[in-house]
Protein backbone atom coordinates (compact mmCIF):
# COMPACT_ATOMS: atom_id res chain seq x y z
CA MET A 1 0.00 0.00 0.00
CA MET A 2 1.31 3.45 -0.92
CA THR A 3 1.65 6.13 1.72
CA ASN A 4 -0.74 9.06 2.09
CA LYS A 5 2.20 11.30 1.30
CA LEU A 6 2.27 9.84 -2.18
CA THR A 7 -1.35 10.59 -3.03
CA ASP A 8 -1.28 13.96 -1.27
CA GLN A 9 1.71 15.00 -3.38
CA ASN A 10 -0.25 14.56 -6.57
CA SER A 11 -3.90 14.15 -5.69
CA LEU A 12 -4.99 14.16 -9.34
CA VAL A 13 -3.40 10.74 -9.81
CA SER A 14 -5.53 8.23 -7.95
CA GLU A 15 -4.25 5.49 -5.69
CA LYS A 16 -5.67 2.93 -8.12
CA GLN A 17 -3.79 4.51 -11.05
CA ILE A 18 -0.54 4.54 -9.09
CA GLN A 19 -0.83 0.89 -8.12
CA HIS A 20 -1.58 -0.02 -11.73
CA GLN A 21 1.43 1.95 -12.97
CA LEU A 22 3.73 0.29 -10.45
CA GLN A 23 2.52 -3.10 -11.64
CA GLN A 24 3.19 -2.07 -15.24
CA PHE A 25 6.84 -1.42 -14.35
CA ILE A 26 7.03 -4.97 -13.02
CA ASP A 27 5.12 -6.65 -15.85
CA GLY A 28 6.44 -4.49 -18.69
CA PHE A 29 4.57 -4.03 -21.97
CA PRO A 30 4.20 -6.62 -24.73
CA SER A 31 5.81 -5.87 -28.07
CA ILE A 32 3.45 -4.97 -30.89
CA VAL A 33 2.74 -7.97 -33.13
CA LEU A 34 3.34 -6.93 -36.75
CA LYS A 35 1.70 -8.82 -39.61
CA LYS A 36 3.30 -6.87 -42.44
CA SER A 37 4.47 -3.38 -43.32
CA ALA A 38 1.98 -1.11 -45.02
CA THR A 39 3.00 -0.42 -48.60
CA ILE A 40 1.50 1.25 -51.67
CA GLY A 41 -1.60 -0.74 -52.62
CA ASP A 42 -1.46 -2.76 -49.42
CA GLY A 43 -2.36 -0.31 -46.67
CA ILE A 44 -1.08 2.94 -48.19
CA ARG A 45 -3.10 4.80 -50.79
CA LYS A 46 -1.51 6.85 -53.55
CA TYR A 47 -3.45 9.44 -55.52
CA ASP A 48 -2.75 10.82 -58.99
CA ASN A 49 -3.06 14.51 -59.83
CA THR A 50 -6.71 14.25 -60.90
CA GLU A 51 -7.64 12.41 -57.70
CA VAL A 52 -5.75 14.98 -55.64
CA LYS A 53 -7.73 17.81 -57.22
CA ASN A 54 -11.04 15.99 -56.76
CA ASN A 55 -10.39 15.35 -53.08
CA ILE A 56 -9.33 18.95 -52.51
CA LEU A 57 -12.54 20.13 -54.17
CA TYR A 58 -14.54 17.80 -51.91
CA TYR A 59 -12.88 19.34 -48.86
CA GLN A 60 -13.44 22.89 -50.07
CA ASN A 61 -17.12 22.16 -50.73
CA GLU A 62 -17.50 20.85 -47.18
CA ILE A 63 -15.87 24.01 -45.86
CA GLY A 64 -18.45 25.97 -47.82
CA ARG A 65 -21.19 23.97 -46.10
CA GLY A 66 -19.91 25.01 -42.69
CA LEU A 67 -17.41 22.32 -41.71
CA LYS A 68 -15.79 23.26 -38.39
CA VAL A 69 -12.02 22.67 -38.50
CA GLU A 70 -9.16 23.24 -36.09
CA LYS A 71 -5.42 22.76 -36.06
CA PHE A 72 -3.83 20.94 -33.09
CA VAL A 73 -0.12 21.56 -32.55
CA PRO A 74 1.86 19.76 -29.80
CA ALA A 75 4.32 22.49 -28.78
CA SER A 76 5.39 21.66 -25.25
CA GLY A 77 8.88 20.48 -26.09
CA ALA A 78 11.83 22.57 -24.94
CA ALA A 79 14.62 23.20 -27.43
CA THR A 80 17.26 21.54 -25.23
CA ARG A 81 17.64 18.49 -27.49
CA MET A 82 17.85 20.73 -30.55
CA PHE A 83 21.10 22.11 -29.12
CA LYS A 84 22.46 18.84 -27.70
CA HIS A 85 25.68 19.06 -29.71
CA LEU A 86 26.31 22.67 -28.68
CA PHE A 87 25.71 21.84 -25.02
CA GLU A 88 28.25 19.03 -25.31
CA LEU A 89 30.69 21.37 -27.03
CA LYS A 90 30.17 23.97 -24.31
CA GLU A 91 31.02 21.40 -21.64
CA GLN A 92 34.16 20.34 -23.51
CA LEU A 93 35.38 23.92 -23.88
CA GLU A 94 34.66 24.67 -20.21
CA THR A 95 36.77 21.68 -19.16
CA GLY A 96 39.77 22.79 -21.23
CA LYS A 97 39.32 20.75 -24.39
CA SER A 98 40.07 22.57 -27.63
CA LEU A 99 37.61 23.24 -30.44
CA ASP A 100 37.58 20.50 -33.08
CA LEU A 101 36.66 22.11 -36.40
CA ASN A 102 37.06 18.74 -38.13
CA ASP A 103 33.82 17.76 -36.47
CA SER A 104 31.17 18.22 -39.18
CA LYS A 105 28.45 19.54 -36.87
CA THR A 106 30.77 22.04 -35.21
CA SER A 107 32.20 23.38 -38.47
CA ALA A 108 28.75 23.54 -40.09
CA PHE A 109 27.37 25.60 -37.22
CA PHE A 110 30.16 28.20 -37.03
CA SER A 111 30.80 28.36 -40.79
CA ASN A 112 27.14 29.12 -41.50
CA LEU A 113 26.35 31.31 -38.53
CA THR A 114 25.18 34.16 -40.77
CA LYS A 115 22.49 31.93 -42.31
CA PHE A 116 20.61 31.38 -39.06
CA ALA A 117 17.53 33.53 -38.50
CA PHE A 118 18.73 34.34 -34.98
CA PHE A 119 22.09 35.69 -36.26
CA LYS A 120 21.25 39.40 -35.99
CA GLU A 121 19.99 39.03 -32.41
CA LEU A 122 23.09 37.02 -31.53
CA CYS A 123 25.30 39.79 -32.90
CA ASP A 124 23.41 42.38 -30.85
CA ILE A 125 24.44 40.44 -27.75
CA HIS A 126 27.93 39.48 -28.91
CA PRO A 127 29.11 41.75 -31.78
CA ALA A 128 32.19 39.60 -32.44
CA ALA A 129 29.88 36.91 -33.84
CA ALA A 130 29.45 39.10 -36.93
CA ASN A 131 33.06 38.71 -38.03
CA ILE A 132 34.04 35.12 -37.34
CA ASP A 133 37.10 33.81 -39.12
CA ILE A 134 36.43 30.09 -39.00
CA ASP A 135 40.09 29.23 -39.64
CA ASN A 136 41.19 31.26 -36.63
CA LEU A 137 38.23 30.79 -34.30
CA SER A 138 39.48 30.71 -30.72
CA ASP A 139 38.08 28.44 -28.02
CA THR A 140 37.20 31.51 -25.96
CA LEU A 141 35.13 33.15 -28.70
CA ALA A 142 33.40 29.87 -29.58
CA LEU A 143 32.37 29.38 -25.95
CA GLU A 144 31.17 32.98 -25.66
CA ILE A 145 29.02 32.61 -28.78
CA ILE A 146 27.50 29.36 -27.53
CA ASP A 147 26.78 30.96 -24.15
CA SER A 148 25.22 33.97 -25.86
CA LEU A 149 22.91 31.69 -27.82
CA LEU A 150 21.97 29.06 -25.25
CA THR A 151 22.08 30.60 -21.79
CA SER A 152 20.40 33.38 -19.86
CA LYS A 153 23.53 35.47 -20.54
CA GLY A 154 22.05 35.95 -24.01
CA LEU A 155 19.13 34.60 -26.04
CA ASN A 156 18.54 31.67 -23.66
CA TYR A 157 17.54 29.43 -26.58
CA GLY A 158 18.60 26.31 -24.71
CA ASN A 159 15.81 26.84 -22.19
CA LEU A 160 13.02 28.11 -24.43
CA PRO A 161 10.38 26.08 -26.31
CA LYS A 162 11.04 25.43 -30.00
CA GLY A 163 7.84 27.18 -30.98
CA VAL A 164 9.15 30.66 -30.14
CA LEU A 165 12.67 30.39 -31.56
CA LYS A 166 13.57 32.29 -34.70
CA PHE A 167 13.62 29.69 -37.48
CA HIS A 168 13.21 31.51 -40.81
CA LEU A 169 14.73 34.70 -42.17
CA TYR A 170 12.70 36.60 -44.78
CA GLU A 171 13.56 39.87 -46.48
CA ASP A 172 11.38 41.91 -44.15
CA GLU A 173 10.72 39.64 -41.18
CA VAL A 174 11.91 36.73 -39.08
CA ARG A 175 9.48 33.93 -38.25
CA THR A 176 9.15 31.43 -35.46
CA PRO A 177 7.52 28.00 -35.90
CA LEU A 178 4.39 29.37 -34.23
CA GLU A 179 4.14 32.05 -36.90
CA GLU A 180 4.66 29.53 -39.70
CA HIS A 181 1.74 27.55 -38.28
CA LEU A 182 -0.35 30.72 -38.43
CA PHE A 183 0.60 31.05 -42.09
CA GLU A 184 -0.24 27.40 -42.80
CA ALA A 185 -3.64 27.56 -41.12
CA ALA A 186 -4.60 30.53 -43.30
CA HIS A 187 -3.98 28.35 -46.36
CA TYR A 188 -5.67 25.05 -45.47
CA GLY A 189 -7.36 25.36 -42.06
CA MET A 190 -9.83 28.18 -42.62
CA ASP A 191 -13.62 27.91 -42.30
CA LYS A 192 -16.14 29.55 -44.61
CA ASN A 193 -16.01 32.75 -42.53
CA ARG A 194 -12.21 32.90 -42.89
CA HIS A 195 -11.72 31.94 -39.24
CA CYS A 196 -8.65 29.86 -38.34
CA ALA A 197 -8.75 27.94 -35.07
CA ILE A 198 -5.38 26.73 -33.76
CA HIS A 199 -4.78 24.97 -30.46
CA PHE A 200 -1.25 24.70 -29.03
CA THR A 201 -0.38 22.36 -26.18
CA VAL A 202 2.43 23.98 -24.18
CA SER A 203 4.35 23.55 -20.95
CA PRO A 204 2.97 25.54 -18.00
CA GLU A 205 6.22 27.48 -17.60
CA HIS A 206 6.14 28.56 -21.26
CA GLN A 207 2.48 29.46 -21.65
CA SER A 208 3.08 33.17 -21.04
CA ILE A 209 5.81 33.27 -23.71
CA PHE A 210 3.47 31.78 -26.30
CA LYS A 211 0.67 34.15 -25.37
CA GLU A 212 2.97 37.19 -25.64
CA LEU A 213 4.13 36.08 -29.08
CA THR A 214 0.60 35.51 -30.38
CA GLN A 215 -0.59 38.86 -29.05
CA SER A 216 2.09 40.65 -31.07
CA THR A 217 1.96 38.55 -34.25
CA VAL A 218 -1.68 37.57 -34.72
CA PRO A 219 -2.86 41.08 -35.71
CA VAL A 220 -0.09 41.25 -38.32
CA PHE A 221 -0.99 37.88 -39.85
CA GLU A 222 -4.72 38.61 -39.74
CA LYS A 223 -4.17 41.73 -41.80
CA LYS A 224 -1.68 40.08 -44.16
CA TYR A 225 -3.85 37.05 -44.98
CA ASP A 226 -7.32 38.52 -44.41
CA VAL A 227 -8.29 35.96 -41.77
CA LYS A 228 -9.38 35.90 -38.14
CA TYR A 229 -7.49 33.64 -35.74
CA ASP A 230 -8.85 31.86 -32.70
CA ILE A 231 -5.73 30.80 -30.78
CA THR A 232 -6.08 28.65 -27.66
CA PHE A 233 -3.62 26.92 -25.36
CA SER A 234 -3.66 24.03 -22.94
CA THR A 235 -1.13 22.16 -20.85
CA GLN A 236 -0.73 18.47 -20.28
CA LYS A 237 -3.09 17.49 -17.47
CA LYS A 238 -1.52 16.60 -14.13
CA SER A 239 -3.93 13.68 -13.90
CA THR A 240 -1.98 12.05 -16.75
CA ASP A 241 1.36 12.15 -14.91
CA THR A 242 2.97 8.80 -14.11
CA ILE A 243 4.99 7.72 -11.11
CA ALA A 244 8.74 7.17 -11.58
CA VAL A 245 10.62 4.25 -10.06
CA ASN A 246 14.16 3.21 -9.24
CA PRO A 247 15.84 0.49 -11.36
CA ASP A 248 14.46 -2.10 -8.88
CA ASN A 249 10.87 -0.83 -9.48
CA THR A 250 10.49 0.78 -6.06
CA PRO A 251 9.09 4.36 -6.11
CA PHE A 252 11.70 7.05 -6.77
CA ILE A 253 11.97 9.38 -3.76
CA ASN A 254 12.93 13.02 -4.29
CA ASP A 255 15.42 14.75 -2.01
CA ASP A 256 12.52 16.36 -0.13
CA GLY A 257 10.96 12.97 0.62
CA THR A 258 8.17 13.16 -1.95
CA HIS A 259 7.59 10.69 -4.74
CA LEU A 260 8.53 11.68 -8.26
CA PHE A 261 5.81 12.03 -10.87
CA ARG A 262 6.63 12.79 -14.49
CA PRO A 263 4.60 13.85 -17.52
CA GLY A 264 3.27 10.78 -19.30
CA GLY A 265 4.54 11.68 -22.79
CA HIS A 266 2.66 12.99 -25.81
CA GLY A 267 0.06 10.23 -25.45
CA ALA A 268 -1.36 12.21 -22.53
CA LEU A 269 -2.46 14.82 -25.08
CA ILE A 270 -5.32 12.58 -26.21
CA GLU A 271 -7.24 14.23 -23.37
CA ASN A 272 -6.41 17.71 -24.69
CA LEU A 273 -7.51 16.59 -28.15
CA ASP A 274 -10.69 15.20 -26.63
CA ASP A 275 -11.54 18.63 -25.24
CA LEU A 276 -11.67 20.26 -28.68
CA ASP A 277 -15.08 20.85 -30.23
CA ALA A 278 -14.13 20.93 -33.91
CA GLU A 279 -15.45 18.30 -36.31
CA MET A 280 -12.17 17.85 -38.14
CA ILE A 281 -8.74 18.40 -36.63
CA PHE A 282 -5.36 18.72 -38.35
CA ILE A 283 -2.41 17.50 -36.25
CA LYS A 284 1.18 18.53 -36.93
CA ASN A 285 4.26 18.96 -34.72
CA ILE A 286 5.49 22.46 -33.88
CA ASP A 287 8.91 22.06 -35.55
CA ASN A 288 7.66 20.60 -38.84
CA VAL A 289 7.45 23.82 -40.82
CA THR A 290 9.06 25.24 -43.94
CA VAL A 291 9.52 28.67 -45.47
CA GLU A 292 6.54 30.20 -47.24
CA ASP A 293 7.93 29.76 -50.77
CA ARG A 294 8.22 26.00 -50.24
CA SER A 295 4.82 25.48 -48.59
CA GLU A 296 2.71 24.68 -51.67
CA ASP A 297 3.00 20.91 -51.25
CA THR A 298 2.14 21.19 -47.57
CA THR A 299 -1.06 23.07 -48.38
CA THR A 300 -2.01 20.77 -51.25
CA TYR A 301 -1.54 17.53 -49.37
CA LYS A 302 -3.17 18.72 -46.16
CA LYS A 303 -6.28 19.47 -48.23
CA LEU A 304 -5.94 16.10 -49.95
CA LEU A 305 -5.89 14.26 -46.61
CA ALA A 306 -8.93 16.24 -45.51
CA GLY A 307 -10.85 15.37 -48.69
CA VAL A 308 -9.98 11.68 -48.37
CA LEU A 309 -11.22 11.70 -44.79
CA LEU A 310 -14.50 13.45 -45.58
CA LYS A 311 -15.30 11.10 -48.46
CA GLU A 312 -14.65 8.09 -46.24
CA ARG A 313 -16.66 9.67 -43.43
CA ASP A 314 -19.66 10.03 -45.71
CA THR A 315 -19.43 6.39 -46.81
CA ILE A 316 -19.14 5.16 -43.22
CA PHE A 317 -21.99 7.36 -42.02
CA SER A 318 -24.30 6.15 -44.79
CA TRP A 319 -23.71 2.55 -43.68
CA LEU A 320 -24.24 3.39 -40.01
CA ARG A 321 -27.58 4.97 -40.83
CA LYS A 322 -28.60 1.73 -42.56
CA PHE A 323 -27.75 -0.07 -39.34
CA ASP A 324 -29.96 2.33 -37.41
CA ASP A 325 -32.78 1.83 -39.89
CA ASN A 326 -32.37 -1.97 -39.60
CA LYS A 327 -31.64 -2.24 -43.33
CA ILE A 328 -28.56 -4.49 -43.13
CA SER A 329 -29.07 -7.74 -45.02
CA THR A 330 -26.85 -10.76 -45.57
CA ASN A 331 -25.79 -9.26 -48.89
CA ASN A 332 -24.95 -5.95 -47.15
CA ILE A 333 -22.75 -7.77 -44.66
CA SER A 334 -20.79 -9.36 -47.50
CA ILE A 335 -20.26 -5.92 -49.08
CA LEU A 336 -19.24 -4.47 -45.71
CA GLU A 337 -16.74 -7.27 -45.08
CA ASN A 338 -14.96 -6.30 -48.30
CA TYR A 339 -15.18 -2.60 -47.44
CA VAL A 340 -13.72 -3.11 -43.97
CA LEU A 341 -10.81 -5.15 -45.36
CA ASN A 342 -10.04 -3.26 -48.58
CA LYS A 343 -10.82 0.34 -47.59
CA LEU A 344 -10.42 0.48 -43.80
CA CYS A 345 -7.71 -2.22 -43.80
CA VAL A 346 -9.12 -4.18 -40.88
CA ILE A 347 -8.62 -7.96 -40.93
CA LEU A 348 -11.60 -9.59 -39.26
CA PRO A 349 -10.77 -12.19 -36.57
CA GLU A 350 -10.29 -15.84 -37.52
CA ASP A 351 -13.54 -16.93 -35.88
CA TYR A 352 -15.58 -14.30 -37.73
CA PRO A 353 -16.99 -16.71 -40.39
CA GLN A 354 -18.47 -18.89 -37.63
CA LEU A 355 -20.32 -16.02 -35.95
CA GLU A 356 -24.08 -15.79 -36.23
CA PHE A 357 -25.50 -12.99 -38.36
CA ASN A 358 -26.33 -10.57 -35.52
CA LYS A 359 -22.87 -10.91 -33.99
CA LYS A 360 -21.31 -10.20 -37.38
CA LYS A 361 -23.48 -7.10 -37.61
CA ASP A 362 -22.43 -5.98 -34.13
CA LEU A 363 -18.73 -6.39 -34.91
CA ILE A 364 -18.96 -4.55 -38.24
CA TYR A 365 -20.95 -1.77 -36.58
CA THR A 366 -18.29 -1.38 -33.87
CA ILE A 367 -15.54 -1.20 -36.50
CA LEU A 368 -17.41 1.53 -38.39
CA ASN A 369 -18.59 3.58 -35.40
CA ARG A 370 -15.35 5.12 -34.17
CA PRO A 371 -13.12 8.17 -34.79
CA ILE A 372 -11.45 8.40 -38.19
CA ARG A 373 -7.92 9.50 -39.00
CA VAL A 374 -6.11 9.90 -42.29
CA CYS A 375 -2.33 9.89 -41.89
CA GLY A 376 0.21 11.10 -44.41
CA MET A 377 3.11 8.70 -44.95
CA VAL A 378 6.46 9.60 -46.52
CA LYS A 379 8.81 7.30 -48.41
CA ASN A 380 11.48 5.95 -46.10
CA GLU A 381 14.73 7.77 -46.80
CA GLY A 382 16.44 7.31 -43.47
CA GLU A 383 14.57 9.97 -41.49
CA PRO A 384 13.60 9.12 -37.89
CA GLY A 385 10.03 8.28 -37.04
CA GLY A 386 7.58 5.44 -36.48
CA GLY A 387 6.35 3.36 -39.36
CA PRO A 388 3.04 2.25 -40.90
CA PHE A 389 2.23 -1.42 -40.29
CA TRP A 390 -0.59 -3.91 -40.20
CA ALA A 391 -0.48 -4.72 -36.48
CA LYS A 392 -2.59 -6.43 -33.83
CA ASN A 393 -4.54 -4.24 -31.39
CA ASN A 394 -5.86 -5.11 -27.94
CA HIS A 395 -8.98 -6.68 -29.48
CA ASN A 396 -6.81 -9.21 -31.37
CA ILE A 397 -7.68 -7.60 -34.69
CA PHE A 398 -5.05 -6.66 -37.26
CA SER A 399 -5.43 -3.12 -38.59
CA LEU A 400 -3.30 -0.19 -39.69
CA GLN A 401 -1.15 1.20 -36.90
CA ILE A 402 1.71 3.69 -36.55
CA VAL A 403 4.33 1.75 -34.61
CA GLU A 404 7.44 3.19 -32.96
CA SER A 405 10.73 1.32 -32.81
CA SER A 406 10.45 1.05 -29.01
CA GLN A 407 7.21 -0.94 -29.42
CA MET A 408 8.74 -3.57 -31.71
CA ASP A 409 10.42 -6.88 -30.91
CA HIS A 410 13.82 -6.46 -32.55
CA ASN A 411 14.97 -9.85 -31.22
CA ASP A 412 12.38 -11.71 -33.29
CA TYR A 413 13.87 -12.44 -36.72
CA GLN A 414 10.55 -12.40 -38.58
CA GLN A 415 9.45 -9.18 -36.93
CA GLN A 416 12.82 -7.53 -37.64
CA THR A 417 12.53 -8.60 -41.28
CA LEU A 418 9.19 -6.79 -41.50
CA ILE A 419 10.70 -3.72 -39.85
CA ASN A 420 13.64 -3.68 -42.26
CA GLY A 421 11.28 -3.94 -45.21
CA ALA A 422 9.21 -0.88 -44.31
CA THR A 423 8.92 1.47 -47.29
CA HIS A 424 7.44 4.50 -45.49
CA PHE A 425 7.64 6.34 -42.18
CA ASN A 426 5.34 8.54 -40.11
CA PRO A 427 5.97 12.31 -40.39
CA VAL A 428 3.11 13.11 -37.94
CA ASP A 429 0.75 14.49 -40.56
CA LEU A 430 -2.78 13.65 -39.48
CA VAL A 431 -6.33 14.76 -40.14
CA CYS A 432 -8.91 13.48 -37.67
CA TYR A 433 -12.69 13.32 -37.48
CA THR A 434 -13.86 12.97 -33.89
CA ARG A 435 -17.66 13.08 -34.11
CA ASP A 436 -20.06 10.18 -34.62
CA TYR A 437 -22.73 10.03 -37.31
CA HIS A 438 -25.23 11.68 -34.95
CA GLY A 439 -22.91 14.68 -34.61
CA ASN A 440 -21.83 13.89 -31.04
CA ASN A 441 -18.20 13.97 -29.97
CA PHE A 442 -16.61 10.59 -29.32
CA ASN A 443 -14.96 10.01 -25.95
CA LEU A 444 -11.47 9.50 -27.36
CA LYS A 445 -10.22 7.79 -24.21
CA ASN A 446 -12.44 4.82 -25.08
CA PHE A 447 -10.32 4.06 -28.14
CA ILE A 448 -6.89 3.77 -26.49
CA ASP A 449 -4.95 0.50 -26.42
CA PRO A 450 -3.55 0.61 -22.85
CA GLU A 451 -1.03 -2.15 -23.59
CA THR A 452 0.99 0.04 -25.97
CA GLY A 453 2.81 2.18 -23.41
CA PHE A 454 6.50 1.74 -22.84
CA ILE A 455 9.18 2.20 -20.19
CA SER A 456 12.09 4.58 -20.73
CA HIS A 457 15.29 5.08 -18.77
CA LYS A 458 16.03 8.56 -17.43
CA SER A 459 17.98 10.20 -14.64
CA LYS A 460 17.47 12.94 -12.09
CA ASN A 461 20.21 14.60 -10.06
CA GLY A 462 22.61 11.90 -11.20
CA ARG A 463 20.32 9.06 -10.11
CA GLN A 464 18.96 6.53 -12.59
CA LEU A 465 15.22 6.04 -12.85
CA LYS A 466 12.57 4.35 -14.97
CA ALA A 467 9.72 6.39 -16.44
CA LEU A 468 6.36 5.22 -17.71
CA GLU A 469 5.26 6.60 -21.08
CA LEU A 470 1.57 6.45 -21.92
CA PRO A 471 0.44 5.06 -25.32
CA GLY A 472 1.63 7.63 -27.88
CA LEU A 473 -0.84 10.15 -29.26
CA TRP A 474 -0.73 8.79 -32.83
CA ASN A 475 0.27 5.28 -31.70
CA GLY A 476 -1.62 3.39 -29.01
CA ALA A 477 -3.82 6.35 -28.08
CA MET A 478 -5.43 6.04 -31.54
CA ALA A 479 -5.04 2.26 -31.90
CA ASN A 480 -8.78 1.66 -32.18
CA TRP A 481 -9.58 4.43 -34.66
CA SER A 482 -10.46 3.86 -38.31
CA THR A 483 -7.11 4.51 -40.00
CA ILE A 484 -6.22 5.38 -43.57
CA PHE A 485 -2.64 5.88 -44.77
CA VAL A 486 -1.91 8.12 -47.77
CA GLU A 487 1.46 8.73 -49.40
CA VAL A 488 2.59 12.36 -49.24
CA PRO A 489 5.83 13.81 -50.66
CA LEU A 490 8.96 14.25 -48.58
CA SER A 491 8.68 18.01 -49.22
CA THR A 492 5.87 18.10 -46.63
CA PHE A 493 8.27 16.91 -43.92
CA SER A 494 10.89 19.37 -42.71
CA PRO A 495 11.34 19.00 -38.93
CA VAL A 496 14.11 20.68 -36.95
CA LYS A 497 15.54 18.06 -34.63
CA GLU A 498 18.93 19.76 -34.22
CA VAL A 499 20.05 23.32 -34.89
CA ASN A 500 21.93 22.55 -38.12
CA ASP A 501 18.69 21.32 -39.67
CA LEU A 502 17.88 25.02 -40.06
CA LEU A 503 20.59 25.12 -42.74
CA ARG A 504 18.63 22.75 -44.97
CA LYS A 505 16.96 24.21 -48.06
CA GLU A 506 13.52 23.77 -46.46
CA HIS A 507 14.44 26.50 -43.96
CA GLN A 508 16.40 28.85 -46.21
CA LEU A 509 15.18 31.33 -48.82
């Protein structure tokens, strides 16, 4: 039995939840069972130019009829990992090691300093940054520049969220990722009244920074693009925190005697998503943006995904109404079996043929009556990210799933063969429909596969610990949604995982 001190420290996490989480550390999580990778024609759809235009038109017509859309942007991540190499370099220089300009990341950063959108601000703080001679760069100057960029002595970028950092340099302005998302929304996420709703999930300590930035930039973008923005924010709910444990699975005790709770990962955001009232929701990470001149594909394919979703929604809803009107015959069931397999990519369980008619109806109805998501998939060219697979969910049904490497069994030869053969990866490019055919919002928590969490290894104050990650937002948290994968071009995927990514063409004019 846990102590009262534990539940008092974080009263939003119940005693029952804590006991369950502690047991999960002991039991672990099963690996996802993969049947095959999703490929073009076998789980991933590919559309030609005519089909792209037709789907976009379908979406635009639905907007004209009053479709309520919103953009959901996970933006809580700090930029610390983006500057991992510079932090390591800073530590080396502080301990007396000399600058190694043969290191490709180091030389790329200092050689191209003038190309970064934050360069002018950096020079305002440290004027010597404006005249770097890379061949004669001293350790002292390199350390001073890094400090001026990363620490509170200067821009403090190492402690700020990615969403407010200066990413892109234009002729007459500098833009942050948040501002690029404002631009994007004005081009594919606008309702018939030219209103753009965008919801950012942020860390509590950064919420004021985001609000200050939107207050100064939204009026400018509204005037520039003739739109009206509705910007909202939320933070990850404390009730979704998870308890941390020592390597031996006993609760981790902080120096003040309290138990350590940690945020449960991006899967906790399913509750934030559940709170939105829009019919259709675009989901895209905060750092996956590009400069305006290169955004045409992003706009085109976001609209394509939306059109594909709305067409499928209308087909599904028409069938569900037949169920309600008791108009499902034996012949209808046969048609639906093919639809579920070939369009929704759900493999019915082995015992399905032996089920009586009404039980077949009930199962098909359940498969149809759930949230819908259409996910863009990019050809695998070595970029990081989960992959699209036919995988088994917690109802022992194989369907399309986005599976992360940490969820896979890499020790199983057959499973590893499937992993190695994956042709596409997940760029986090989703469009979701979260209402049922009566117009009521689904309770999204009812569609989570709880067995798809995972355990990660962290540290605090030099002490090792194990952390519990909830089923990922686009992984196990959406495991029981209707899922459609669509190929989108690599040009729609331009994340900034480390600072030198800003030197790629996607982030330069």
